[in-house]
Amino acid sequence: TRMKNLSKITHKKDMIAVMSNEYAKL
């Protein structure tokens, strides 16, 4: 549900990579 909640934010893979890296740290 958390990941689905972020699925409308951007279609750009580079942004999703940054978001994934930060979410993993948190």
mmCIF file of all heavy atoms, coordinates in Angstrom:
data_MODEL
# 
_entry.id   MODEL 
# 
loop_
_atom_site.group_PDB 
_atom_site.id 
_atom_site.type_symbol 
_atom_site.label_atom_id 
_atom_site.label_alt_id 
_atom_site.label_comp_id 
_atom_site.label_asym_id 
_atom_site.label_entity_id 
_atom_site.label_seq_id 
_atom_site.pdbx_PDB_ins_code 
_atom_site.Cartn_x 
_atom_site.Cartn_y 
_atom_site.Cartn_z 
_atom_site.occupancy 
_atom_site.B_iso_or_equiv 
_atom_site.pdbx_formal_charge 
_atom_site.auth_seq_id 
_atom_site.auth_comp_id 
_atom_site.auth_asym_id 
_atom_site.auth_atom_id 
_atom_site.pdbx_PDB_model_num 
ATOM 1   N N   . THR A 1 1  ? 0.837  -1.205 0.000   1.00 0.00 ? 1  THR A N   1 
ATOM 2   C CA  . THR A 1 1  ? 0.000  0.000  0.000   1.00 0.00 ? 1  THR A CA  1 
ATOM 3   C C   . THR A 1 1  ? 0.866  1.247  0.000   1.00 0.00 ? 1  THR A C   1 
ATOM 4   O O   . THR A 1 1  ? 0.553  2.235  -0.678  1.00 0.00 ? 1  THR A O   1 
ATOM 5   C CB  . THR A 1 1  ? -0.945 0.005  1.216   1.00 0.00 ? 1  THR A CB  1 
ATOM 6   O OG1 . THR A 1 1  ? -1.772 -1.163 1.176   1.00 0.00 ? 1  THR A OG1 1 
ATOM 7   C CG2 . THR A 1 1  ? -1.833 1.239  1.229   1.00 0.00 ? 1  THR A CG2 1 
ATOM 8   N N   . ARG A 1 2  ? 1.963  1.216  0.745   1.00 0.00 ? 2  ARG A N   1 
ATOM 9   C CA  . ARG A 1 2  ? 2.896  2.348  0.758   1.00 0.00 ? 2  ARG A CA  1 
ATOM 10  C C   . ARG A 1 2  ? 3.464  2.598  -0.633  1.00 0.00 ? 2  ARG A C   1 
ATOM 11  O O   . ARG A 1 2  ? 3.528  3.732  -1.108  1.00 0.00 ? 2  ARG A O   1 
ATOM 12  C CB  . ARG A 1 2  ? 4.040  2.080  1.740   1.00 0.00 ? 2  ARG A CB  1 
ATOM 13  C CG  . ARG A 1 2  ? 3.625  2.081  3.209   1.00 0.00 ? 2  ARG A CG  1 
ATOM 14  C CD  . ARG A 1 2  ? 4.796  1.700  4.100   1.00 0.00 ? 2  ARG A CD  1 
ATOM 15  N NE  . ARG A 1 2  ? 4.422  1.675  5.510   1.00 0.00 ? 2  ARG A NE  1 
ATOM 16  C CZ  . ARG A 1 2  ? 5.104  2.284  6.478   1.00 0.00 ? 2  ARG A CZ  1 
ATOM 17  N NH1 . ARG A 1 2  ? 6.202  2.973  6.194   1.00 0.00 ? 2  ARG A NH1 1 
ATOM 18  N NH2 . ARG A 1 2  ? 4.711  2.206  7.732   1.00 0.00 ? 2  ARG A NH2 1 
ATOM 19  N N   . MET A 1 3  ? 3.889  1.527  -1.284  1.00 0.00 ? 3  MET A N   1 
ATOM 20  C CA  . MET A 1 3  ? 4.481  1.676  -2.610  1.00 0.00 ? 3  MET A CA  1 
ATOM 21  C C   . MET A 1 3  ? 3.435  2.116  -3.638  1.00 0.00 ? 3  MET A C   1 
ATOM 22  O O   . MET A 1 3  ? 3.711  2.956  -4.498  1.00 0.00 ? 3  MET A O   1 
ATOM 23  C CB  . MET A 1 3  ? 5.117  0.356  -3.052  1.00 0.00 ? 3  MET A CB  1 
ATOM 24  C CG  . MET A 1 3  ? 6.279  -0.113 -2.171  1.00 0.00 ? 3  MET A CG  1 
ATOM 25  S SD  . MET A 1 3  ? 7.683  1.042  -2.153  1.00 0.00 ? 3  MET A SD  1 
ATOM 26  C CE  . MET A 1 3  ? 7.386  1.935  -0.598  1.00 0.00 ? 3  MET A CE  1 
ATOM 27  N N   . LYS A 1 4  ? 2.226  1.567  -3.539  1.00 0.00 ? 4  LYS A N   1 
ATOM 28  C CA  . LYS A 1 4  ? 1.147  1.967  -4.447  1.00 0.00 ? 4  LYS A CA  1 
ATOM 29  C C   . LYS A 1 4  ? 0.805  3.442  -4.257  1.00 0.00 ? 4  LYS A C   1 
ATOM 30  O O   . LYS A 1 4  ? 0.468  4.138  -5.211  1.00 0.00 ? 4  LYS A O   1 
ATOM 31  C CB  . LYS A 1 4  ? -0.093 1.109  -4.203  1.00 0.00 ? 4  LYS A CB  1 
ATOM 32  C CG  . LYS A 1 4  ? -1.206 1.329  -5.216  1.00 0.00 ? 4  LYS A CG  1 
ATOM 33  C CD  . LYS A 1 4  ? -2.362 0.380  -4.987  1.00 0.00 ? 4  LYS A CD  1 
ATOM 34  C CE  . LYS A 1 4  ? -3.457 0.612  -6.034  1.00 0.00 ? 4  LYS A CE  1 
ATOM 35  N NZ  . LYS A 1 4  ? -4.607 -0.297 -5.819  1.00 0.00 ? 4  LYS A NZ  1 
ATOM 36  N N   . ASN A 1 5  ? 0.923  3.920  -3.026  1.00 0.00 ? 5  ASN A N   1 
ATOM 37  C CA  . ASN A 1 5  ? 0.640  5.313  -2.714  1.00 0.00 ? 5  ASN A CA  1 
ATOM 38  C C   . ASN A 1 5  ? 1.613  6.260  -3.408  1.00 0.00 ? 5  ASN A C   1 
ATOM 39  O O   . ASN A 1 5  ? 1.308  7.437  -3.606  1.00 0.00 ? 5  ASN A O   1 
ATOM 40  C CB  . ASN A 1 5  ? 0.683  5.519  -1.202  1.00 0.00 ? 5  ASN A CB  1 
ATOM 41  C CG  . ASN A 1 5  ? 0.064  6.820  -0.755  1.00 0.00 ? 5  ASN A CG  1 
ATOM 42  O OD1 . ASN A 1 5  ? 0.605  7.526  0.086   1.00 0.00 ? 5  ASN A OD1 1 
ATOM 43  N ND2 . ASN A 1 5  ? -1.080 7.175  -1.325  1.00 0.00 ? 5  ASN A ND2 1 
ATOM 44  N N   . LEU A 1 6  ? 2.773  5.747  -3.808  1.00 0.00 ? 6  LEU A N   1 
ATOM 45  C CA  . LEU A 1 6  ? 3.777  6.556  -4.504  1.00 0.00 ? 6  LEU A CA  1 
ATOM 46  C C   . LEU A 1 6  ? 3.745  6.361  -6.016  1.00 0.00 ? 6  LEU A C   1 
ATOM 47  O O   . LEU A 1 6  ? 4.526  6.978  -6.735  1.00 0.00 ? 6  LEU A O   1 
ATOM 48  C CB  . LEU A 1 6  ? 5.172  6.209  -3.974  1.00 0.00 ? 6  LEU A CB  1 
ATOM 49  C CG  . LEU A 1 6  ? 5.502  6.751  -2.575  1.00 0.00 ? 6  LEU A CG  1 
ATOM 50  C CD1 . LEU A 1 6  ? 6.702  6.016  -1.975  1.00 0.00 ? 6  LEU A CD1 1 
ATOM 51  C CD2 . LEU A 1 6  ? 5.770  8.249  -2.638  1.00 0.00 ? 6  LEU A CD2 1 
ATOM 52  N N   . SER A 1 7  ? 2.835  5.520  -6.504  1.00 0.00 ? 7  SER A N   1 
ATOM 53  C CA  . SER A 1 7  ? 2.844  5.143  -7.917  1.00 0.00 ? 7  SER A CA  1 
ATOM 54  C C   . SER A 1 7  ? 2.330  6.233  -8.854  1.00 0.00 ? 7  SER A C   1 
ATOM 55  O O   . SER A 1 7  ? 2.528  6.142  -10.068 1.00 0.00 ? 7  SER A O   1 
ATOM 56  C CB  . SER A 1 7  ? 2.018  3.866  -8.121  1.00 0.00 ? 7  SER A CB  1 
ATOM 57  O OG  . SER A 1 7  ? 0.647  4.093  -7.832  1.00 0.00 ? 7  SER A OG  1 
ATOM 58  N N   . LYS A 1 8  ? 1.647  7.256  -8.307  1.00 0.00 ? 8  LYS A N   1 
ATOM 59  C CA  . LYS A 1 8  ? 1.125  8.340  -9.158  1.00 0.00 ? 8  LYS A CA  1 
ATOM 60  C C   . LYS A 1 8  ? 2.053  9.561  -9.191  1.00 0.00 ? 8  LYS A C   1 
ATOM 61  O O   . LYS A 1 8  ? 1.750  10.546 -9.854  1.00 0.00 ? 8  LYS A O   1 
ATOM 62  C CB  . LYS A 1 8  ? -0.249 8.782  -8.649  1.00 0.00 ? 8  LYS A CB  1 
ATOM 63  C CG  . LYS A 1 8  ? -1.313 7.707  -8.662  1.00 0.00 ? 8  LYS A CG  1 
ATOM 64  C CD  . LYS A 1 8  ? -2.619 8.252  -8.092  1.00 0.00 ? 8  LYS A CD  1 
ATOM 65  C CE  . LYS A 1 8  ? -3.680 7.170  -8.002  1.00 0.00 ? 8  LYS A CE  1 
ATOM 66  N NZ  . LYS A 1 8  ? -4.946 7.703  -7.419  1.00 0.00 ? 8  LYS A NZ  1 
ATOM 67  N N   . ILE A 1 9  ? 3.157  9.502  -8.488  1.00 0.00 ? 9  ILE A N   1 
ATOM 68  C CA  . ILE A 1 9  ? 4.002  10.679 -8.315  1.00 0.00 ? 9  ILE A CA  1 
ATOM 69  C C   . ILE A 1 9  ? 4.782  11.022 -9.575  1.00 0.00 ? 9  ILE A C   1 
ATOM 70  O O   . ILE A 1 9  ? 4.842  12.170 -9.999  1.00 0.00 ? 9  ILE A O   1 
ATOM 71  C CB  . ILE A 1 9  ? 4.974  10.474 -7.133  1.00 0.00 ? 9  ILE A CB  1 
ATOM 72  C CG1 . ILE A 1 9  ? 4.191  10.344 -5.827  1.00 0.00 ? 9  ILE A CG1 1 
ATOM 73  C CG2 . ILE A 1 9  ? 5.972  11.617 -7.052  1.00 0.00 ? 9  ILE A CG2 1 
ATOM 74  C CD1 . ILE A 1 9  ? 3.356  11.566 -5.478  1.00 0.00 ? 9  ILE A CD1 1 
ATOM 75  N N   . THR A 1 10 ? 5.405  10.038 -10.181 1.00 0.00 ? 10 THR A N   1 
ATOM 76  C CA  . THR A 1 10 ? 6.233  10.302 -11.359 1.00 0.00 ? 10 THR A CA  1 
ATOM 77  C C   . THR A 1 10 ? 6.375  9.041  -12.195 1.00 0.00 ? 10 THR A C   1 
ATOM 78  O O   . THR A 1 10 ? 6.340  7.923  -11.669 1.00 0.00 ? 10 THR A O   1 
ATOM 79  C CB  . THR A 1 10 ? 7.627  10.805 -10.962 1.00 0.00 ? 10 THR A CB  1 
ATOM 80  O OG1 . THR A 1 10 ? 8.408  11.010 -12.151 1.00 0.00 ? 10 THR A OG1 1 
ATOM 81  C CG2 . THR A 1 10 ? 8.351  9.812  -10.068 1.00 0.00 ? 10 THR A CG2 1 
ATOM 82  N N   . HIS A 1 11 ? 6.549  9.225  -13.497 1.00 0.00 ? 11 HIS A N   1 
ATOM 83  C CA  . HIS A 1 11 ? 6.801  8.109  -14.403 1.00 0.00 ? 11 HIS A CA  1 
ATOM 84  C C   . HIS A 1 11 ? 8.295  7.996  -14.715 1.00 0.00 ? 11 HIS A C   1 
ATOM 85  O O   . HIS A 1 11 ? 8.701  7.105  -15.470 1.00 0.00 ? 11 HIS A O   1 
ATOM 86  C CB  . HIS A 1 11 ? 6.041  8.312  -15.713 1.00 0.00 ? 11 HIS A CB  1 
ATOM 87  C CG  . HIS A 1 11 ? 6.481  9.534  -16.464 1.00 0.00 ? 11 HIS A CG  1 
ATOM 88  N ND1 . HIS A 1 11 ? 6.139  10.818 -16.079 1.00 0.00 ? 11 HIS A ND1 1 
ATOM 89  C CD2 . HIS A 1 11 ? 7.261  9.677  -17.577 1.00 0.00 ? 11 HIS A CD2 1 
ATOM 90  C CE1 . HIS A 1 11 ? 6.672  11.684 -16.914 1.00 0.00 ? 11 HIS A CE1 1 
ATOM 91  N NE2 . HIS A 1 11 ? 7.362  11.033 -17.824 1.00 0.00 ? 11 HIS A NE2 1 
ATOM 92  N N   . LYS A 1 12 ? 9.101  8.873  -14.118 1.00 0.00 ? 12 LYS A N   1 
ATOM 93  C CA  . LYS A 1 12 ? 10.524 8.931  -14.462 1.00 0.00 ? 12 LYS A CA  1 
ATOM 94  C C   . LYS A 1 12 ? 11.338 7.986  -13.572 1.00 0.00 ? 12 LYS A C   1 
ATOM 95  O O   . LYS A 1 12 ? 11.325 8.087  -12.348 1.00 0.00 ? 12 LYS A O   1 
ATOM 96  C CB  . LYS A 1 12 ? 11.037 10.370 -14.342 1.00 0.00 ? 12 LYS A CB  1 
ATOM 97  C CG  . LYS A 1 12 ? 10.382 11.299 -15.356 1.00 0.00 ? 12 LYS A CG  1 
ATOM 98  C CD  . LYS A 1 12 ? 10.995 12.680 -15.356 1.00 0.00 ? 12 LYS A CD  1 
ATOM 99  C CE  . LYS A 1 12 ? 10.391 13.537 -16.475 1.00 0.00 ? 12 LYS A CE  1 
ATOM 100 N NZ  . LYS A 1 12 ? 10.963 14.891 -16.509 1.00 0.00 ? 12 LYS A NZ  1 
ATOM 101 N N   . LYS A 1 13 ? 12.071 7.124  -14.227 1.00 0.00 ? 13 LYS A N   1 
ATOM 102 C CA  . LYS A 1 13 ? 12.797 6.067  -13.528 1.00 0.00 ? 13 LYS A CA  1 
ATOM 103 C C   . LYS A 1 13 ? 13.879 6.614  -12.613 1.00 0.00 ? 13 LYS A C   1 
ATOM 104 O O   . LYS A 1 13 ? 14.139 6.062  -11.539 1.00 0.00 ? 13 LYS A O   1 
ATOM 105 C CB  . LYS A 1 13 ? 13.415 5.108  -14.552 1.00 0.00 ? 13 LYS A CB  1 
ATOM 106 C CG  . LYS A 1 13 ? 13.586 3.681  -14.052 1.00 0.00 ? 13 LYS A CG  1 
ATOM 107 C CD  . LYS A 1 13 ? 13.869 2.747  -15.210 1.00 0.00 ? 13 LYS A CD  1 
ATOM 108 C CE  . LYS A 1 13 ? 13.830 1.296  -14.737 1.00 0.00 ? 13 LYS A CE  1 
ATOM 109 N NZ  . LYS A 1 13 ? 14.010 0.347  -15.865 1.00 0.00 ? 13 LYS A NZ  1 
ATOM 110 N N   . ASP A 1 14 ? 14.536 7.714  -13.034 1.00 0.00 ? 14 ASP A N   1 
ATOM 111 C CA  . ASP A 1 14 ? 15.606 8.279  -12.202 1.00 0.00 ? 14 ASP A CA  1 
ATOM 112 C C   . ASP A 1 14 ? 15.043 8.819  -10.885 1.00 0.00 ? 14 ASP A C   1 
ATOM 113 O O   . ASP A 1 14 ? 15.680 8.684  -9.832  1.00 0.00 ? 14 ASP A O   1 
ATOM 114 C CB  . ASP A 1 14 ? 16.349 9.380  -12.955 1.00 0.00 ? 14 ASP A CB  1 
ATOM 115 C CG  . ASP A 1 14 ? 15.471 10.601 -13.229 1.00 0.00 ? 14 ASP A CG  1 
ATOM 116 O OD1 . ASP A 1 14 ? 14.365 10.418 -13.788 1.00 0.00 ? 14 ASP A OD1 1 
ATOM 117 O OD2 . ASP A 1 14 ? 15.872 11.731 -12.881 1.00 0.00 ? 14 ASP A OD2 1 
ATOM 118 N N   . MET A 1 15 ? 13.845 9.405  -10.930 1.00 0.00 ? 15 MET A N   1 
ATOM 119 C CA  . MET A 1 15 ? 13.224 9.914  -9.710  1.00 0.00 ? 15 MET A CA  1 
ATOM 120 C C   . MET A 1 15 ? 12.816 8.764  -8.794  1.00 0.00 ? 15 MET A C   1 
ATOM 121 O O   . MET A 1 15 ? 12.986 8.841  -7.572  1.00 0.00 ? 15 MET A O   1 
ATOM 122 C CB  . MET A 1 15 ? 12.003 10.772 -10.052 1.00 0.00 ? 15 MET A CB  1 
ATOM 123 C CG  . MET A 1 15 ? 12.320 12.088 -10.728 1.00 0.00 ? 15 MET A CG  1 
ATOM 124 S SD  . MET A 1 15 ? 10.843 13.109 -10.987 1.00 0.00 ? 15 MET A SD  1 
ATOM 125 C CE  . MET A 1 15 ? 10.392 13.488 -9.290  1.00 0.00 ? 15 MET A CE  1 
ATOM 126 N N   . ILE A 1 16 ? 12.281 7.717  -9.384  1.00 0.00 ? 16 ILE A N   1 
ATOM 127 C CA  . ILE A 1 16 ? 11.871 6.556  -8.589  1.00 0.00 ? 16 ILE A CA  1 
ATOM 128 C C   . ILE A 1 16 ? 13.084 5.902  -7.940  1.00 0.00 ? 16 ILE A C   1 
ATOM 129 O O   . ILE A 1 16 ? 13.015 5.409  -6.806  1.00 0.00 ? 16 ILE A O   1 
ATOM 130 C CB  . ILE A 1 16 ? 11.089 5.558  -9.469  1.00 0.00 ? 16 ILE A CB  1 
ATOM 131 C CG1 . ILE A 1 16 ? 9.752  6.182  -9.861  1.00 0.00 ? 16 ILE A CG1 1 
ATOM 132 C CG2 . ILE A 1 16 ? 10.865 4.230  -8.752  1.00 0.00 ? 16 ILE A CG2 1 
ATOM 133 C CD1 . ILE A 1 16 ? 8.939  5.380  -10.843 1.00 0.00 ? 16 ILE A CD1 1 
ATOM 134 N N   . ALA A 1 17 ? 14.222 5.925  -8.628  1.00 0.00 ? 17 ALA A N   1 
ATOM 135 C CA  . ALA A 1 17 ? 15.455 5.384  -8.048  1.00 0.00 ? 17 ALA A CA  1 
ATOM 136 C C   . ALA A 1 17 ? 15.861 6.184  -6.809  1.00 0.00 ? 17 ALA A C   1 
ATOM 137 O O   . ALA A 1 17 ? 16.255 5.609  -5.787  1.00 0.00 ? 17 ALA A O   1 
ATOM 138 C CB  . ALA A 1 17 ? 16.568 5.392  -9.091  1.00 0.00 ? 17 ALA A CB  1 
ATOM 139 N N   . VAL A 1 18 ? 15.776 7.512  -6.897  1.00 0.00 ? 18 VAL A N   1 
ATOM 140 C CA  . VAL A 1 18 ? 16.116 8.366  -5.752  1.00 0.00 ? 18 VAL A CA  1 
ATOM 141 C C   . VAL A 1 18 ? 15.135 8.131  -4.609  1.00 0.00 ? 18 VAL A C   1 
ATOM 142 O O   . VAL A 1 18 ? 15.529 7.992  -3.440  1.00 0.00 ? 18 VAL A O   1 
ATOM 143 C CB  . VAL A 1 18 ? 16.123 9.856  -6.155  1.00 0.00 ? 18 VAL A CB  1 
ATOM 144 C CG1 . VAL A 1 18 ? 16.355 10.748 -4.929  1.00 0.00 ? 18 VAL A CG1 1 
ATOM 145 C CG2 . VAL A 1 18 ? 17.204 10.113 -7.195  1.00 0.00 ? 18 VAL A CG2 1 
ATOM 146 N N   . MET A 1 19 ? 13.851 8.090  -4.922  1.00 0.00 ? 19 MET A N   1 
ATOM 147 C CA  . MET A 1 19 ? 12.829 7.871  -3.910  1.00 0.00 ? 19 MET A CA  1 
ATOM 148 C C   . MET A 1 19 ? 13.012 6.512  -3.239  1.00 0.00 ? 19 MET A C   1 
ATOM 149 O O   . MET A 1 19 ? 12.878 6.385  -2.011  1.00 0.00 ? 19 MET A O   1 
ATOM 150 C CB  . MET A 1 19 ? 11.437 7.984  -4.540  1.00 0.00 ? 19 MET A CB  1 
ATOM 151 C CG  . MET A 1 19 ? 11.072 9.394  -4.989  1.00 0.00 ? 19 MET A CG  1 
ATOM 152 S SD  . MET A 1 19 ? 9.677  9.472  -6.152  1.00 0.00 ? 19 MET A SD  1 
ATOM 153 C CE  . MET A 1 19 ? 8.365  8.834  -5.122  1.00 0.00 ? 19 MET A CE  1 
ATOM 154 N N   . SER A 1 20 ? 13.328 5.503  -4.024  1.00 0.00 ? 20 SER A N   1 
ATOM 155 C CA  . SER A 1 20 ? 13.538 4.150  -3.485  1.00 0.00 ? 20 SER A CA  1 
ATOM 156 C C   . SER A 1 20 ? 14.736 4.110  -2.551  1.00 0.00 ? 20 SER A C   1 
ATOM 157 O O   . SER A 1 20 ? 14.694 3.488  -1.484  1.00 0.00 ? 20 SER A O   1 
ATOM 158 C CB  . SER A 1 20 ? 13.747 3.148  -4.630  1.00 0.00 ? 20 SER A CB  1 
ATOM 159 O OG  . SER A 1 20 ? 12.635 3.110  -5.474  1.00 0.00 ? 20 SER A OG  1 
ATOM 160 N N   . ASN A 1 21 ? 15.814 4.778  -2.957  1.00 0.00 ? 21 ASN A N   1 
ATOM 161 C CA  . ASN A 1 21 ? 17.016 4.829  -2.128  1.00 0.00 ? 21 ASN A CA  1 
ATOM 162 C C   . ASN A 1 21 ? 16.722 5.491  -0.789  1.00 0.00 ? 21 ASN A C   1 
ATOM 163 O O   . ASN A 1 21 ? 17.125 4.998  0.274   1.00 0.00 ? 21 ASN A O   1 
ATOM 164 C CB  . ASN A 1 21 ? 18.116 5.584  -2.877  1.00 0.00 ? 21 ASN A CB  1 
ATOM 165 C CG  . ASN A 1 21 ? 19.369 5.769  -2.056  1.00 0.00 ? 21 ASN A CG  1 
ATOM 166 O OD1 . ASN A 1 21 ? 19.558 6.813  -1.413  1.00 0.00 ? 21 ASN A OD1 1 
ATOM 167 N ND2 . ASN A 1 21 ? 20.237 4.767  -2.037  1.00 0.00 ? 21 ASN A ND2 1 
ATOM 168 N N   . GLU A 1 22 ? 15.994 6.621  -0.819  1.00 0.00 ? 22 GLU A N   1 
ATOM 169 C CA  . GLU A 1 22 ? 15.687 7.350  0.417   1.00 0.00 ? 22 GLU A CA  1 
ATOM 170 C C   . GLU A 1 22 ? 14.698 6.568  1.281   1.00 0.00 ? 22 GLU A C   1 
ATOM 171 O O   . GLU A 1 22 ? 14.857 6.503  2.505   1.00 0.00 ? 22 GLU A O   1 
ATOM 172 C CB  . GLU A 1 22 ? 15.122 8.734  0.077   1.00 0.00 ? 22 GLU A CB  1 
ATOM 173 C CG  . GLU A 1 22 ? 14.972 9.661  1.272   1.00 0.00 ? 22 GLU A CG  1 
ATOM 174 C CD  . GLU A 1 22 ? 16.296 10.014 1.924   1.00 0.00 ? 22 GLU A CD  1 
ATOM 175 O OE1 . GLU A 1 22 ? 17.333 10.014 1.222   1.00 0.00 ? 22 GLU A OE1 1 
ATOM 176 O OE2 . GLU A 1 22 ? 16.293 10.291 3.150   1.00 0.00 ? 22 GLU A OE2 1 
ATOM 177 N N   . TYR A 1 23 ? 13.690 5.966  0.653   1.00 0.00 ? 23 TYR A N   1 
ATOM 178 C CA  . TYR A 1 23 ? 12.690 5.210  1.418   1.00 0.00 ? 23 TYR A CA  1 
ATOM 179 C C   . TYR A 1 23 ? 13.341 3.996  2.083   1.00 0.00 ? 23 TYR A C   1 
ATOM 180 O O   . TYR A 1 23 ? 12.992 3.630  3.208   1.00 0.00 ? 23 TYR A O   1 
ATOM 181 C CB  . TYR A 1 23 ? 11.539 4.768  0.507   1.00 0.00 ? 23 TYR A CB  1 
ATOM 182 C CG  . TYR A 1 23 ? 10.219 4.599  1.242   1.00 0.00 ? 23 TYR A CG  1 
ATOM 183 C CD1 . TYR A 1 23 ? 9.251  5.601  1.203   1.00 0.00 ? 23 TYR A CD1 1 
ATOM 184 C CD2 . TYR A 1 23 ? 9.941  3.445  1.980   1.00 0.00 ? 23 TYR A CD2 1 
ATOM 185 C CE1 . TYR A 1 23 ? 8.049  5.471  1.874   1.00 0.00 ? 23 TYR A CE1 1 
ATOM 186 C CE2 . TYR A 1 23 ? 8.744  3.307  2.659   1.00 0.00 ? 23 TYR A CE2 1 
ATOM 187 C CZ  . TYR A 1 23 ? 7.802  4.322  2.603   1.00 0.00 ? 23 TYR A CZ  1 
ATOM 188 O OH  . TYR A 1 23 ? 6.615  4.180  3.291   1.00 0.00 ? 23 TYR A OH  1 
ATOM 189 N N   . ALA A 1 24 ? 14.305 3.381  1.398   1.00 0.00 ? 24 ALA A N   1 
ATOM 190 C CA  . ALA A 1 24 ? 15.013 2.235  1.969   1.00 0.00 ? 24 ALA A CA  1 
ATOM 191 C C   . ALA A 1 24 ? 15.803 2.656  3.207   1.00 0.00 ? 24 ALA A C   1 
ATOM 192 O O   . ALA A 1 24 ? 15.830 1.936  4.216   1.00 0.00 ? 24 ALA A O   1 
ATOM 193 C CB  . ALA A 1 24 ? 15.950 1.625  0.923   1.00 0.00 ? 24 ALA A CB  1 
ATOM 194 N N   . LYS A 1 25 ? 16.438 3.816  3.143   1.00 0.00 ? 25 LYS A N   1 
ATOM 195 C CA  . LYS A 1 25 ? 17.188 4.323  4.304   1.00 0.00 ? 25 LYS A CA  1 
ATOM 196 C C   . LYS A 1 25 ? 16.257 4.564  5.487   1.00 0.00 ? 25 LYS A C   1 
ATOM 197 O O   . LYS A 1 25 ? 16.580 4.215  6.633   1.00 0.00 ? 25 LYS A O   1 
ATOM 198 C CB  . LYS A 1 25 ? 17.895 5.629  3.945   1.00 0.00 ? 25 LYS A CB  1 
ATOM 199 C CG  . LYS A 1 25 ? 19.031 5.495  2.942   1.00 0.00 ? 25 LYS A CG  1 
ATOM 200 C CD  . LYS A 1 25 ? 19.604 6.879  2.628   1.00 0.00 ? 25 LYS A CD  1 
ATOM 201 C CE  . LYS A 1 25 ? 20.714 6.801  1.594   1.00 0.00 ? 25 LYS A CE  1 
ATOM 202 N NZ  . LYS A 1 25 ? 21.233 8.148  1.250   1.00 0.00 ? 25 LYS A NZ  1 
ATOM 203 N N   . LEU A 1 26 ? 15.098 5.151  5.213   1.00 0.00 ? 26 LEU A N   1 
ATOM 204 C CA  . LEU A 1 26 ? 14.169 5.503  6.281   1.00 0.00 ? 26 LEU A CA  1 
ATOM 205 C C   . LEU A 1 26 ? 13.505 4.287  6.907   1.00 0.00 ? 26 LEU A C   1 
ATOM 206 O O   . LEU A 1 26 ? 13.229 4.262  8.109   1.00 0.00 ? 26 LEU A O   1 
ATOM 207 C CB  . LEU A 1 26 ? 13.089 6.448  5.730   1.00 0.00 ? 26 LEU A CB  1 
ATOM 208 C CG  . LEU A 1 26 ? 13.578 7.807  5.213   1.00 0.00 ? 26 LEU A CG  1 
ATOM 209 C CD1 . LEU A 1 26 ? 12.506 8.491  4.375   1.00 0.00 ? 26 LEU A CD1 1 
ATOM 210 C CD2 . LEU A 1 26 ? 13.983 8.700  6.384   1.00 0.00 ? 26 LEU A CD2 1 
# 
